[in-house]
Amino acid sequence: MSVDEAIRTKSQISRTREASAMGKLSVATRKNRELTERLGENVKHAAITAVKNAAGKEYKFAPLRLWCRENQVEETEVPDIRYGQVKSWPTESWLQVYDINLKSLFANSQRIH
């Protein structure tokens, strides 16, 4: 094997490894996004615990539930390790009731992870 062939082979192996790593990263990123959404920590809806952890402040569910009923908006159920399932409240309810923008809130908290 000549030096040129060795360099080409090494380069090909490097490109293959890089492509494989990028593919795995893409899958991991998608899975992380799906899990985050299932846990109610995203820009579409959020559970009270997720907002509490991100904002460092307590919130009550009753005003969110009332807003949803008055506006005919459905809350979402998400898995919770303590209770099995909890309500995850829509973005608009958080904004109207508590003046919390979930996109801004979770953009800041996601940088920590």
PDB file of N, CA and C in Angstrom:
ATOM      1  N   MET A   1       0.850  -1.164   0.000  1.00  0.00           N
ATOM      2  CA  MET A   1       0.000   0.000   0.000  1.00  0.00           C
ATOM      3  C   MET A   1       0.902   1.234   0.000  1.00  0.00           C
ATOM      4  N   SER A   2       0.599   2.144  -0.916  1.00  0.00           N
ATOM      5  CA  SER A   2       1.398   3.361  -1.008  1.00  0.00           C
ATOM      6  C   SER A   2       0.925   4.376   0.041  1.00  0.00           C
ATOM      7  N   VAL A   3       1.710   5.403   0.217  1.00  0.00           N
ATOM      8  CA  VAL A   3       1.399   6.460   1.166  1.00  0.00           C
ATOM      9  C   VAL A   3       0.099   7.163   0.756  1.00  0.00           C
ATOM     10  N   ASP A   4      -0.066   7.404  -0.557  1.00  0.00           N
ATOM     11  CA  ASP A   4      -1.285   8.064  -1.042  1.00  0.00           C
ATOM     12  C   ASP A   4      -2.522   7.217  -0.750  1.00  0.00           C
ATOM     13  N   GLU A   5      -2.427   5.914  -0.952  1.00  0.00           N
ATOM     14  CA  GLU A   5      -3.557   5.028  -0.668  1.00  0.00           C
ATOM     15  C   GLU A   5      -3.878   5.033   0.829  1.00  0.00           C
ATOM     16  N   ALA A   6      -2.859   5.023   1.641  1.00  0.00           N
ATOM     17  CA  ALA A   6      -3.057   5.043   3.087  1.00  0.00           C
ATOM     18  C   ALA A   6      -3.761   6.332   3.523  1.00  0.00           C
ATOM     19  N   ILE A   7      -3.369   7.449   2.950  1.00  0.00           N
ATOM     20  CA  ILE A   7      -3.993   8.732   3.277  1.00  0.00           C
ATOM     21  C   ILE A   7      -5.456   8.729   2.848  1.00  0.00           C
ATOM     22  N   ARG A   8      -5.743   8.223   1.633  1.00  0.00           N
ATOM     23  CA  ARG A   8      -7.129   8.161   1.157  1.00  0.00           C
ATOM     24  C   ARG A   8      -7.969   7.254   2.050  1.00  0.00           C
ATOM     25  N   THR A   9      -7.424   6.119   2.421  1.00  0.00           N
ATOM     26  CA  THR A   9      -8.149   5.176   3.277  1.00  0.00           C
ATOM     27  C   THR A   9      -8.433   5.804   4.639  1.00  0.00           C
ATOM     28  N   LYS A  10      -7.423   6.447   5.189  1.00  0.00           N
ATOM     29  CA  LYS A  10      -7.591   7.099   6.491  1.00  0.00           C
ATOM     30  C   LYS A  10      -8.655   8.197   6.397  1.00  0.00           C
ATOM     31  N   SER A  11      -8.635   8.960   5.325  1.00  0.00           N
ATOM     32  CA  SER A  11      -9.604  10.028   5.122  1.00  0.00           C
ATOM     33  C   SER A  11     -11.021   9.457   4.982  1.00  0.00           C
ATOM     34  N   GLN A  12     -11.146   8.357   4.255  1.00  0.00           N
ATOM     35  CA  GLN A  12     -12.454   7.715   4.064  1.00  0.00           C
ATOM     36  C   GLN A  12     -12.990   7.193   5.405  1.00  0.00           C
ATOM     37  N   ILE A  13     -12.124   6.580   6.185  1.00  0.00           N
ATOM     38  CA  ILE A  13     -12.523   6.075   7.506  1.00  0.00           C
ATOM     39  C   ILE A  13     -12.972   7.241   8.386  1.00  0.00           C
ATOM     40  N   SER A  14     -12.251   8.336   8.331  1.00  0.00           N
ATOM     41  CA  SER A  14     -12.582   9.512   9.124  1.00  0.00           C
ATOM     42  C   SER A  14     -13.953  10.064   8.730  1.00  0.00           C
ATOM     43  N   ARG A  15     -14.219  10.173   7.421  1.00  0.00           N
ATOM     44  CA  ARG A  15     -15.515  10.677   6.948  1.00  0.00           C
ATOM     45  C   ARG A  15     -16.648   9.743   7.363  1.00  0.00           C
ATOM     46  N   THR A  16     -16.416   8.450   7.297  1.00  0.00           N
ATOM     47  CA  THR A  16     -17.428   7.468   7.690  1.00  0.00           C
ATOM     48  C   THR A  16     -17.739   7.589   9.174  1.00  0.00           C
ATOM     49  N   ARG A  17     -16.709   7.710   9.997  1.00  0.00           N
ATOM     50  CA  ARG A  17     -16.914   7.877  11.438  1.00  0.00           C
ATOM     51  C   ARG A  17     -17.669   9.169  11.742  1.00  0.00           C
ATOM     52  N   GLU A  18     -17.305  10.240  11.055  1.00  0.00           N
ATOM     53  CA  GLU A  18     -17.970  11.522  11.270  1.00  0.00           C
ATOM     54  C   GLU A  18     -19.444  11.439  10.884  1.00  0.00           C
ATOM     55  N   ALA A  19     -19.745  10.818   9.759  1.00  0.00           N
ATOM     56  CA  ALA A  19     -21.136  10.671   9.321  1.00  0.00           C
ATOM     57  C   ALA A  19     -21.924   9.834  10.321  1.00  0.00           C
ATOM     58  N   SER A  20     -21.327   8.780  10.820  1.00  0.00           N
ATOM     59  CA  SER A  20     -21.982   7.927  11.805  1.00  0.00           C
ATOM     60  C   SER A  20     -22.260   8.700  13.095  1.00  0.00           C
ATOM     61  N   ALA A  21     -21.279   9.461  13.546  1.00  0.00           N
ATOM     62  CA  ALA A  21     -21.447  10.247  14.772  1.00  0.00           C
ATOM     63  C   ALA A  21     -22.538  11.298  14.600  1.00  0.00           C
ATOM     64  N   MET A  22     -22.582  11.956  13.456  1.00  0.00           N
ATOM     65  CA  MET A  22     -23.602  12.972  13.212  1.00  0.00           C
ATOM     66  C   MET A  22     -24.992  12.338  13.177  1.00  0.00           C
ATOM     67  N   GLY A  23     -25.096  11.158  12.598  1.00  0.00           N
ATOM     68  CA  GLY A  23     -26.380  10.448  12.570  1.00  0.00           C
ATOM     69  C   GLY A  23     -26.842  10.098  13.967  1.00  0.00           C
ATOM     70  N   LYS A  24     -25.939   9.601  14.800  1.00  0.00           N
ATOM     71  CA  LYS A  24     -26.280   9.262  16.185  1.00  0.00           C
ATOM     72  C   LYS A  24     -26.671  10.506  16.970  1.00  0.00           C
ATOM     73  N   LEU A  25     -25.983  11.613  16.750  1.00  0.00           N
ATOM     74  CA  LEU A  25     -26.304  12.863  17.420  1.00  0.00           C
ATOM     75  C   LEU A  25     -27.696  13.342  17.027  1.00  0.00           C
ATOM     76  N   SER A  26     -28.026  13.229  15.762  1.00  0.00           N
ATOM     77  CA  SER A  26     -29.336  13.637  15.285  1.00  0.00           C
ATOM     78  C   SER A  26     -30.444  12.811  15.942  1.00  0.00           C
ATOM     79  N   VAL A  27     -30.248  11.511  16.047  1.00  0.00           N
ATOM     80  CA  VAL A  27     -31.213  10.627  16.694  1.00  0.00           C
ATOM     81  C   VAL A  27     -31.347  11.000  18.169  1.00  0.00           C
ATOM     82  N   ALA A  28     -30.232  11.231  18.838  1.00  0.00           N
ATOM     83  CA  ALA A  28     -30.253  11.591  20.260  1.00  0.00           C
ATOM     84  C   ALA A  28     -30.951  12.931  20.476  1.00  0.00           C
ATOM     85  N   THR A  29     -30.727  13.875  19.593  1.00  0.00           N
ATOM     86  CA  THR A  29     -31.363  15.187  19.699  1.00  0.00           C
ATOM     87  C   THR A  29     -32.868  15.062  19.541  1.00  0.00           C
ATOM     88  N   ARG A  30     -33.320  14.286  18.554  1.00  0.00           N
ATOM     89  CA  ARG A  30     -34.757  14.067  18.356  1.00  0.00           C
ATOM     90  C   ARG A  30     -35.384  13.394  19.565  1.00  0.00           C
ATOM     91  N   LYS A  31     -34.703  12.382  20.096  1.00  0.00           N
ATOM     92  CA  LYS A  31     -35.226  11.659  21.259  1.00  0.00           C
ATOM     93  C   LYS A  31     -35.323  12.584  22.464  1.00  0.00           C
ATOM     94  N   ASN A  32     -34.311  13.417  22.678  1.00  0.00           N
ATOM     95  CA  ASN A  32     -34.328  14.370  23.775  1.00  0.00           C
ATOM     96  C   ASN A  32     -35.509  15.322  23.640  1.00  0.00           C
ATOM     97  N   ARG A  33     -35.745  15.820  22.438  1.00  0.00           N
ATOM     98  CA  ARG A  33     -36.857  16.735  22.197  1.00  0.00           C
ATOM     99  C   ARG A  33     -38.190  16.046  22.479  1.00  0.00           C
ATOM    100  N   GLU A  34     -38.339  14.793  22.029  1.00  0.00           N
ATOM    101  CA  GLU A  34     -39.571  14.032  22.270  1.00  0.00           C
ATOM    102  C   GLU A  34     -39.794  13.805  23.760  1.00  0.00           C
ATOM    103  N   LEU A  35     -38.743  13.408  24.475  1.00  0.00           N
ATOM    104  CA  LEU A  35     -38.877  13.161  25.907  1.00  0.00           C
ATOM    105  C   LEU A  35     -39.201  14.444  26.664  1.00  0.00           C
ATOM    106  N   THR A  36     -38.563  15.528  26.279  1.00  0.00           N
ATOM    107  CA  THR A  36     -38.839  16.808  26.918  1.00  0.00           C
ATOM    108  C   THR A  36     -40.299  17.186  26.723  1.00  0.00           C
ATOM    109  N   GLU A  37     -40.808  16.987  25.518  1.00  0.00           N
ATOM    110  CA  GLU A  37     -42.211  17.304  25.254  1.00  0.00           C
ATOM    111  C   GLU A  37     -43.131  16.400  26.056  1.00  0.00           C
ATOM    112  N   ARG A  38     -42.817  15.126  26.134  1.00  0.00           N
ATOM    113  CA  ARG A  38     -43.646  14.197  26.897  1.00  0.00           C
ATOM    114  C   ARG A  38     -43.660  14.544  28.375  1.00  0.00           C
ATOM    115  N   LEU A  39     -42.585  15.109  28.878  1.00  0.00           N
ATOM    116  CA  LEU A  39     -42.516  15.483  30.283  1.00  0.00           C
ATOM    117  C   LEU A  39     -43.117  16.857  30.562  1.00  0.00           C
ATOM    118  N   GLY A  40     -43.648  17.495  29.536  1.00  0.00           N
ATOM    119  CA  GLY A  40     -44.318  18.770  29.750  1.00  0.00           C
ATOM    120  C   GLY A  40     -43.383  19.927  29.972  1.00  0.00           C
ATOM    121  N   GLU A  41     -42.247  19.902  29.320  1.00  0.00           N
ATOM    122  CA  GLU A  41     -41.273  20.981  29.450  1.00  0.00           C
ATOM    123  C   GLU A  41     -40.936  21.512  28.068  1.00  0.00           C
ATOM    124  N   ASN A  42     -41.884  22.192  27.452  1.00  0.00           N
ATOM    125  CA  ASN A  42     -41.603  22.694  26.125  1.00  0.00           C
ATOM    126  C   ASN A  42     -42.416  23.943  25.844  1.00  0.00           C
ATOM    127  N   VAL A  43     -42.334  24.438  24.643  1.00  0.00           N
ATOM    128  CA  VAL A  43     -42.988  25.690  24.311  1.00  0.00           C
ATOM    129  C   VAL A  43     -44.473  25.520  24.008  1.00  0.00           C
ATOM    130  N   LYS A  44     -44.990  24.304  23.905  1.00  0.00           N
ATOM    131  CA  LYS A  44     -46.414  24.073  23.621  1.00  0.00           C
ATOM    132  C   LYS A  44     -47.245  23.972  24.892  1.00  0.00           C
ATOM    133  N   HIS A  45     -46.687  23.378  25.910  1.00  0.00           N
ATOM    134  CA  HIS A  45     -47.381  23.207  27.186  1.00  0.00           C
ATOM    135  C   HIS A  45     -46.344  22.901  28.258  1.00  0.00           C
ATOM    136  N   ALA A  46     -46.735  23.106  29.522  1.00  0.00           N
ATOM    137  CA  ALA A  46     -45.788  22.836  30.605  1.00  0.00           C
ATOM    138  C   ALA A  46     -46.528  22.445  31.872  1.00  0.00           C
ATOM    139  N   ALA A  47     -45.956  21.480  32.572  1.00  0.00           N
ATOM    140  CA  ALA A  47     -46.477  21.076  33.867  1.00  0.00           C
ATOM    141  C   ALA A  47     -46.029  22.093  34.918  1.00  0.00           C
ATOM    142  N   ILE A  48     -46.789  22.180  35.980  1.00  0.00           N
ATOM    143  CA  ILE A  48     -46.476  23.140  37.048  1.00  0.00           C
ATOM    144  C   ILE A  48     -45.076  22.902  37.610  1.00  0.00           C
ATOM    145  N   THR A  49     -44.715  21.644  37.828  1.00  0.00           N
ATOM    146  CA  THR A  49     -43.397  21.337  38.380  1.00  0.00           C
ATOM    147  C   THR A  49     -42.275  21.791  37.449  1.00  0.00           C
ATOM    148  N   ALA A  50     -42.464  21.606  36.142  1.00  0.00           N
ATOM    149  CA  ALA A  50     -41.439  22.024  35.184  1.00  0.00           C
ATOM    150  C   ALA A  50     -41.235  23.533  35.233  1.00  0.00           C
ATOM    151  N   VAL A  51     -42.340  24.282  35.299  1.00  0.00           N
ATOM    152  CA  VAL A  51     -42.228  25.750  35.368  1.00  0.00           C
ATOM    153  C   VAL A  51     -41.626  26.168  36.705  1.00  0.00           C
ATOM    154  N   LYS A  52     -42.057  25.513  37.778  1.00  0.00           N
ATOM    155  CA  LYS A  52     -41.506  25.818  39.105  1.00  0.00           C
ATOM    156  C   LYS A  52     -39.985  25.612  39.111  1.00  0.00           C
ATOM    157  N   ASN A  53     -39.537  24.492  38.559  1.00  0.00           N
ATOM    158  CA  ASN A  53     -38.096  24.207  38.536  1.00  0.00           C
ATOM    159  C   ASN A  53     -37.331  25.204  37.681  1.00  0.00           C
ATOM    160  N   ALA A  54     -37.928  25.619  36.567  1.00  0.00           N
ATOM    161  CA  ALA A  54     -37.239  26.555  35.673  1.00  0.00           C
ATOM    162  C   ALA A  54     -37.277  27.988  36.200  1.00  0.00           C
ATOM    163  N   ALA A  55     -38.401  28.364  36.825  1.00  0.00           N
ATOM    164  CA  ALA A  55     -38.564  29.753  37.271  1.00  0.00           C
ATOM    165  C   ALA A  55     -38.185  29.958  38.733  1.00  0.00           C
ATOM    166  N   GLY A  56     -38.160  28.857  39.498  1.00  0.00           N
ATOM    167  CA  GLY A  56     -37.829  28.977  40.911  1.00  0.00           C
ATOM    168  C   GLY A  56     -38.941  29.589  41.745  1.00  0.00           C
ATOM    169  N   LYS A  57     -40.193  29.392  41.329  1.00  0.00           N
ATOM    170  CA  LYS A  57     -41.328  29.989  42.014  1.00  0.00           C
ATOM    171  C   LYS A  57     -42.506  29.009  41.985  1.00  0.00           C
ATOM    172  N   GLU A  58     -43.345  29.054  43.025  1.00  0.00           N
ATOM    173  CA  GLU A  58     -44.526  28.186  43.117  1.00  0.00           C
ATOM    174  C   GLU A  58     -45.683  28.745  42.282  1.00  0.00           C
ATOM    175  N   TYR A  59     -46.464  27.841  41.681  1.00  0.00           N
ATOM    176  CA  TYR A  59     -47.649  28.228  40.919  1.00  0.00           C
ATOM    177  C   TYR A  59     -48.793  27.292  41.274  1.00  0.00           C
ATOM    178  N   LYS A  60     -50.021  27.805  41.218  1.00  0.00           N
ATOM    179  CA  LYS A  60     -51.206  27.012  41.504  1.00  0.00           C
ATOM    180  C   LYS A  60     -51.872  26.604  40.191  1.00  0.00           C
ATOM    181  N   PHE A  61     -52.469  25.411  40.185  1.00  0.00           N
ATOM    182  CA  PHE A  61     -53.087  24.902  38.967  1.00  0.00           C
ATOM    183  C   PHE A  61     -54.476  25.479  38.719  1.00  0.00           C
ATOM    184  N   ALA A  62     -55.196  25.870  39.774  1.00  0.00           N
ATOM    185  CA  ALA A  62     -56.595  26.297  39.628  1.00  0.00           C
ATOM    186  C   ALA A  62     -56.778  27.454  38.631  1.00  0.00           C
ATOM    187  N   PRO A  63     -55.962  28.504  38.674  1.00  0.00           N
ATOM    188  CA  PRO A  63     -56.144  29.580  37.680  1.00  0.00           C
ATOM    189  C   PRO A  63     -55.895  29.097  36.242  1.00  0.00           C
ATOM    190  N   LEU A  64     -54.963  28.167  36.080  1.00  0.00           N
ATOM    191  CA  LEU A  64     -54.697  27.613  34.744  1.00  0.00           C
ATOM    192  C   LEU A  64     -55.890  26.790  34.267  1.00  0.00           C
ATOM    193  N   ARG A  65     -56.444  25.969  35.165  1.00  0.00           N
ATOM    194  CA  ARG A  65     -57.606  25.149  34.825  1.00  0.00           C
ATOM    195  C   ARG A  65     -58.791  26.039  34.460  1.00  0.00           C
ATOM    196  N   LEU A  66     -59.022  27.094  35.242  1.00  0.00           N
ATOM    197  CA  LEU A  66     -60.122  28.018  34.970  1.00  0.00           C
ATOM    198  C   LEU A  66     -59.949  28.673  33.604  1.00  0.00           C
ATOM    199  N   TRP A  67     -58.737  29.135  33.309  1.00  0.00           N
ATOM    200  CA  TRP A  67     -58.487  29.767  32.016  1.00  0.00           C
ATOM    201  C   TRP A  67     -58.786  28.786  30.885  1.00  0.00           C
ATOM    202  N   CYS A  68     -58.344  27.542  31.031  1.00  0.00           N
ATOM    203  CA  CYS A  68     -58.582  26.534  29.991  1.00  0.00           C
ATOM    204  C   CYS A  68     -60.077  26.288  29.796  1.00  0.00           C
ATOM    205  N   ARG A  69     -60.819  26.184  30.880  1.00  0.00           N
ATOM    206  CA  ARG A  69     -62.270  25.958  30.778  1.00  0.00           C
ATOM    207  C   ARG A  69     -62.967  27.147  30.118  1.00  0.00           C
ATOM    208  N   GLU A  70     -62.603  28.340  30.521  1.00  0.00           N
ATOM    209  CA  GLU A  70     -63.226  29.536  29.954  1.00  0.00           C
ATOM    210  C   GLU A  70     -62.909  29.710  28.469  1.00  0.00           C
ATOM    211  N   ASN A  71     -61.777  29.213  28.038  1.00  0.00           N
ATOM    212  CA  ASN A  71     -61.339  29.366  26.648  1.00  0.00           C
ATOM    213  C   ASN A  71     -61.457  28.082  25.834  1.00  0.00           C
ATOM    214  N   GLN A  72     -62.117  27.079  26.396  1.00  0.00           N
ATOM    215  CA  GLN A  72     -62.307  25.776  25.740  1.00  0.00           C
ATOM    216  C   GLN A  72     -61.003  25.209  25.168  1.00  0.00           C
ATOM    217  N   VAL A  73     -59.982  25.227  25.999  1.00  0.00           N
ATOM    218  CA  VAL A  73     -58.683  24.688  25.616  1.00  0.00           C
ATOM    219  C   VAL A  73     -58.401  23.490  26.510  1.00  0.00           C
ATOM    220  N   GLU A  74     -57.929  22.399  25.911  1.00  0.00           N
ATOM    221  CA  GLU A  74     -57.633  21.170  26.646  1.00  0.00           C
ATOM    222  C   GLU A  74     -56.217  21.196  27.204  1.00  0.00           C
ATOM    223  N   GLU A  75     -56.091  20.762  28.442  1.00  0.00           N
ATOM    224  CA  GLU A  75     -54.757  20.537  28.994  1.00  0.00           C
ATOM    225  C   GLU A  75     -54.283  19.165  28.515  1.00  0.00           C
ATOM    226  N   THR A  76     -53.011  18.894  28.691  1.00  0.00           N
ATOM    227  CA  THR A  76     -52.410  17.635  28.260  1.00  0.00           C
ATOM    228  C   THR A  76     -51.971  16.854  29.488  1.00  0.00           C
ATOM    229  N   GLU A  77     -52.069  15.540  29.421  1.00  0.00           N
ATOM    230  CA  GLU A  77     -51.553  14.689  30.504  1.00  0.00           C
ATOM    231  C   GLU A  77     -50.139  14.256  30.118  1.00  0.00           C
ATOM    232  N   VAL A  78     -49.235  14.345  31.086  1.00  0.00           N
ATOM    233  CA  VAL A  78     -47.848  13.925  30.849  1.00  0.00           C
ATOM    234  C   VAL A  78     -47.399  13.010  31.985  1.00  0.00           C
ATOM    235  N   PRO A  79     -46.430  12.107  31.715  1.00  0.00           N
ATOM    236  CA  PRO A  79     -45.935  11.214  32.759  1.00  0.00           C
ATOM    237  C   PRO A  79     -45.223  11.980  33.872  1.00  0.00           C
ATOM    238  N   ASP A  80     -45.382  11.498  35.088  1.00  0.00           N
ATOM    239  CA  ASP A  80     -44.709  12.095  36.235  1.00  0.00           C
ATOM    240  C   ASP A  80     -44.282  10.958  37.161  1.00  0.00           C
ATOM    241  N   ILE A  81     -43.018  10.948  37.584  1.00  0.00           N
ATOM    242  CA  ILE A  81     -42.513   9.837  38.397  1.00  0.00           C
ATOM    243  C   ILE A  81     -43.171   9.763  39.761  1.00  0.00           C
ATOM    244  N   ARG A  82     -43.638  10.888  40.282  1.00  0.00           N
ATOM    245  CA  ARG A  82     -44.270  10.874  41.603  1.00  0.00           C
ATOM    246  C   ARG A  82     -45.734  10.484  41.563  1.00  0.00           C
ATOM    247  N   TYR A  83     -46.468  10.992  40.562  1.00  0.00           N
ATOM    248  CA  TYR A  83     -47.919  10.822  40.536  1.00  0.00           C
ATOM    249  C   TYR A  83     -48.425   9.945  39.392  1.00  0.00           C
ATOM    250  N   GLY A  84     -47.562   9.506  38.534  1.00  0.00           N
ATOM    251  CA  GLY A  84     -47.979   8.727  37.370  1.00  0.00           C
ATOM    252  C   GLY A  84     -48.290   9.635  36.193  1.00  0.00           C
ATOM    253  N   GLN A  85     -49.295  10.503  36.343  1.00  0.00           N
ATOM    254  CA  GLN A  85     -49.673  11.470  35.312  1.00  0.00           C
ATOM    255  C   GLN A  85     -49.965  12.812  35.983  1.00  0.00           C
ATOM    256  N   VAL A  86     -49.628  13.899  35.312  1.00  0.00           N
ATOM    257  CA  VAL A  86     -49.989  15.239  35.769  1.00  0.00           C
ATOM    258  C   VAL A  86     -50.475  16.045  34.570  1.00  0.00           C
ATOM    259  N   LYS A  87     -51.158  17.126  34.857  1.00  0.00           N
ATOM    260  CA  LYS A  87     -51.624  18.028  33.793  1.00  0.00           C
ATOM    261  C   LYS A  87     -50.462  18.903  33.329  1.00  0.00           C
ATOM    262  N   SER A  88     -50.438  19.109  32.038  1.00  0.00           N
ATOM    263  CA  SER A  88     -49.476  20.015  31.444  1.00  0.00           C
ATOM    264  C   SER A  88     -50.299  21.096  30.748  1.00  0.00           C
ATOM    265  N   TRP A  89     -50.110  22.320  31.155  1.00  0.00           N
ATOM    266  CA  TRP A  89     -50.981  23.421  30.767  1.00  0.00           C
ATOM    267  C   TRP A  89     -50.474  24.114  29.511  1.00  0.00           C
ATOM    268  N   PRO A  90     -51.382  24.528  28.621  1.00  0.00           N
ATOM    269  CA  PRO A  90     -50.998  25.145  27.342  1.00  0.00           C
ATOM    270  C   PRO A  90     -50.242  26.465  27.508  1.00  0.00           C
ATOM    271  N   THR A  91     -49.436  26.755  26.522  1.00  0.00           N
ATOM    272  CA  THR A  91     -48.626  27.972  26.503  1.00  0.00           C
ATOM    273  C   THR A  91     -49.450  29.222  26.773  1.00  0.00           C
ATOM    274  N   GLU A  92     -50.564  29.340  26.067  1.00  0.00           N
ATOM    275  CA  GLU A  92     -51.374  30.553  26.184  1.00  0.00           C
ATOM    276  C   GLU A  92     -51.911  30.736  27.602  1.00  0.00           C
ATOM    277  N   SER A  93     -52.229  29.631  28.281  1.00  0.00           N
ATOM    278  CA  SER A  93     -52.720  29.758  29.661  1.00  0.00           C
ATOM    279  C   SER A  93     -51.625  30.303  30.578  1.00  0.00           C
ATOM    280  N   TRP A  94     -50.395  29.809  30.413  1.00  0.00           N
ATOM    281  CA  TRP A  94     -49.283  30.321  31.227  1.00  0.00           C
ATOM    282  C   TRP A  94     -49.059  31.812  30.961  1.00  0.00           C
ATOM    283  N   LEU A  95     -49.169  32.196  29.711  1.00  0.00           N
ATOM    284  CA  LEU A  95     -48.943  33.586  29.351  1.00  0.00           C
ATOM    285  C   LEU A  95     -50.044  34.485  29.916  1.00  0.00           C
ATOM    286  N   GLN A  96     -51.304  34.079  29.756  1.00  0.00           N
ATOM    287  CA  GLN A  96     -52.423  34.904  30.206  1.00  0.00           C
ATOM    288  C   GLN A  96     -52.553  34.942  31.732  1.00  0.00           C
ATOM    289  N   VAL A  97     -52.363  33.811  32.392  1.00  0.00           N
ATOM    290  CA  VAL A  97     -52.581  33.727  33.838  1.00  0.00           C
ATOM    291  C   VAL A  97     -51.377  34.239  34.636  1.00  0.00           C
ATOM    292  N   TYR A  98     -50.184  33.804  34.257  1.00  0.00           N
ATOM    293  CA  TYR A  98     -48.986  34.128  35.050  1.00  0.00           C
ATOM    294  C   TYR A  98     -47.964  35.002  34.324  1.00  0.00           C
ATOM    295  N   ASP A  99     -48.299  35.419  33.088  1.00  0.00           N
ATOM    296  CA  ASP A  99     -47.390  36.223  32.276  1.00  0.00           C
ATOM    297  C   ASP A  99     -46.037  35.520  32.096  1.00  0.00           C
ATOM    298  N   ILE A 100     -46.111  34.217  31.843  1.00  0.00           N
ATOM    299  CA  ILE A 100     -44.899  33.423  31.633  1.00  0.00           C
ATOM    300  C   ILE A 100     -44.851  32.971  30.178  1.00  0.00           C
ATOM    301  N   ASN A 101     -43.774  33.324  29.517  1.00  0.00           N
ATOM    302  CA  ASN A 101     -43.535  32.895  28.145  1.00  0.00           C
ATOM    303  C   ASN A 101     -42.707  31.618  28.212  1.00  0.00           C
ATOM    304  N   LEU A 102     -43.339  30.485  27.902  1.00  0.00           N
ATOM    305  CA  LEU A 102     -42.643  29.196  28.025  1.00  0.00           C
ATOM    306  C   LEU A 102     -41.424  29.110  27.115  1.00  0.00           C
ATOM    307  N   LYS A 103     -41.525  29.694  25.939  1.00  0.00           N
ATOM    308  CA  LYS A 103     -40.392  29.639  25.014  1.00  0.00           C
ATOM    309  C   LYS A 103     -39.161  30.288  25.646  1.00  0.00           C
ATOM    310  N   SER A 104     -39.360  31.459  26.228  1.00  0.00           N
ATOM    311  CA  SER A 104     -38.236  32.152  26.882  1.00  0.00           C
ATOM    312  C   SER A 104     -37.774  31.397  28.123  1.00  0.00           C
ATOM    313  N   LEU A 105     -38.736  30.932  28.914  1.00  0.00           N
ATOM    314  CA  LEU A 105     -38.406  30.243  30.164  1.00  0.00           C
ATOM    315  C   LEU A 105     -37.581  28.988  29.912  1.00  0.00           C
ATOM    316  N   PHE A 106     -38.040  28.143  28.988  1.00  0.00           N
ATOM    317  CA  PHE A 106     -37.340  26.888  28.761  1.00  0.00           C
ATOM    318  C   PHE A 106     -36.112  27.046  27.879  1.00  0.00           C
ATOM    319  N   ALA A 107     -36.031  28.104  27.097  1.00  0.00           N
ATOM    320  CA  ALA A 107     -34.800  28.359  26.334  1.00  0.00           C
ATOM    321  C   ALA A 107     -33.663  28.602  27.312  1.00  0.00           C
ATOM    322  N   ASN A 108     -33.949  29.340  28.379  1.00  0.00           N
ATOM    323  CA  ASN A 108     -32.929  29.614  29.394  1.00  0.00           C
ATOM    324  C   ASN A 108     -32.586  28.362  30.179  1.00  0.00           C
ATOM    325  N   SER A 109     -33.585  27.562  30.562  1.00  0.00           N
ATOM    326  CA  SER A 109     -33.304  26.382  31.367  1.00  0.00           C
ATOM    327  C   SER A 109     -32.645  25.273  30.557  1.00  0.00           C
ATOM    328  N   GLN A 110     -32.899  25.198  29.239  1.00  0.00           N
ATOM    329  CA  GLN A 110     -32.292  24.159  28.414  1.00  0.00           C
ATOM    330  C   GLN A 110     -30.795  24.378  28.246  1.00  0.00           C
ATOM    331  N   ARG A 111     -30.338  25.618  28.352  1.00  0.00           N
ATOM    332  CA  ARG A 111     -28.900  25.888  28.224  1.00  0.00           C
ATOM    333  C   ARG A 111     -28.109  25.281  29.360  1.00  0.00           C
ATOM    334  N   ILE A 112     -28.779  25.060  30.482  1.00  0.00           N
ATOM    335  CA  ILE A 112     -28.105  24.490  31.654  1.00  0.00           C
ATOM    336  C   ILE A 112     -27.765  23.024  31.423  1.00  0.00           C
ATOM    337  N   HIS A 113     -28.637  22.293  30.731  1.00  0.00           N
ATOM    338  CA  HIS A 113     -28.476  20.839  30.548  1.00  0.00           C
ATOM    339  C   HIS A 113     -27.341  20.519  29.625  1.00  0.00           C
TER     340      HIS A 113
END
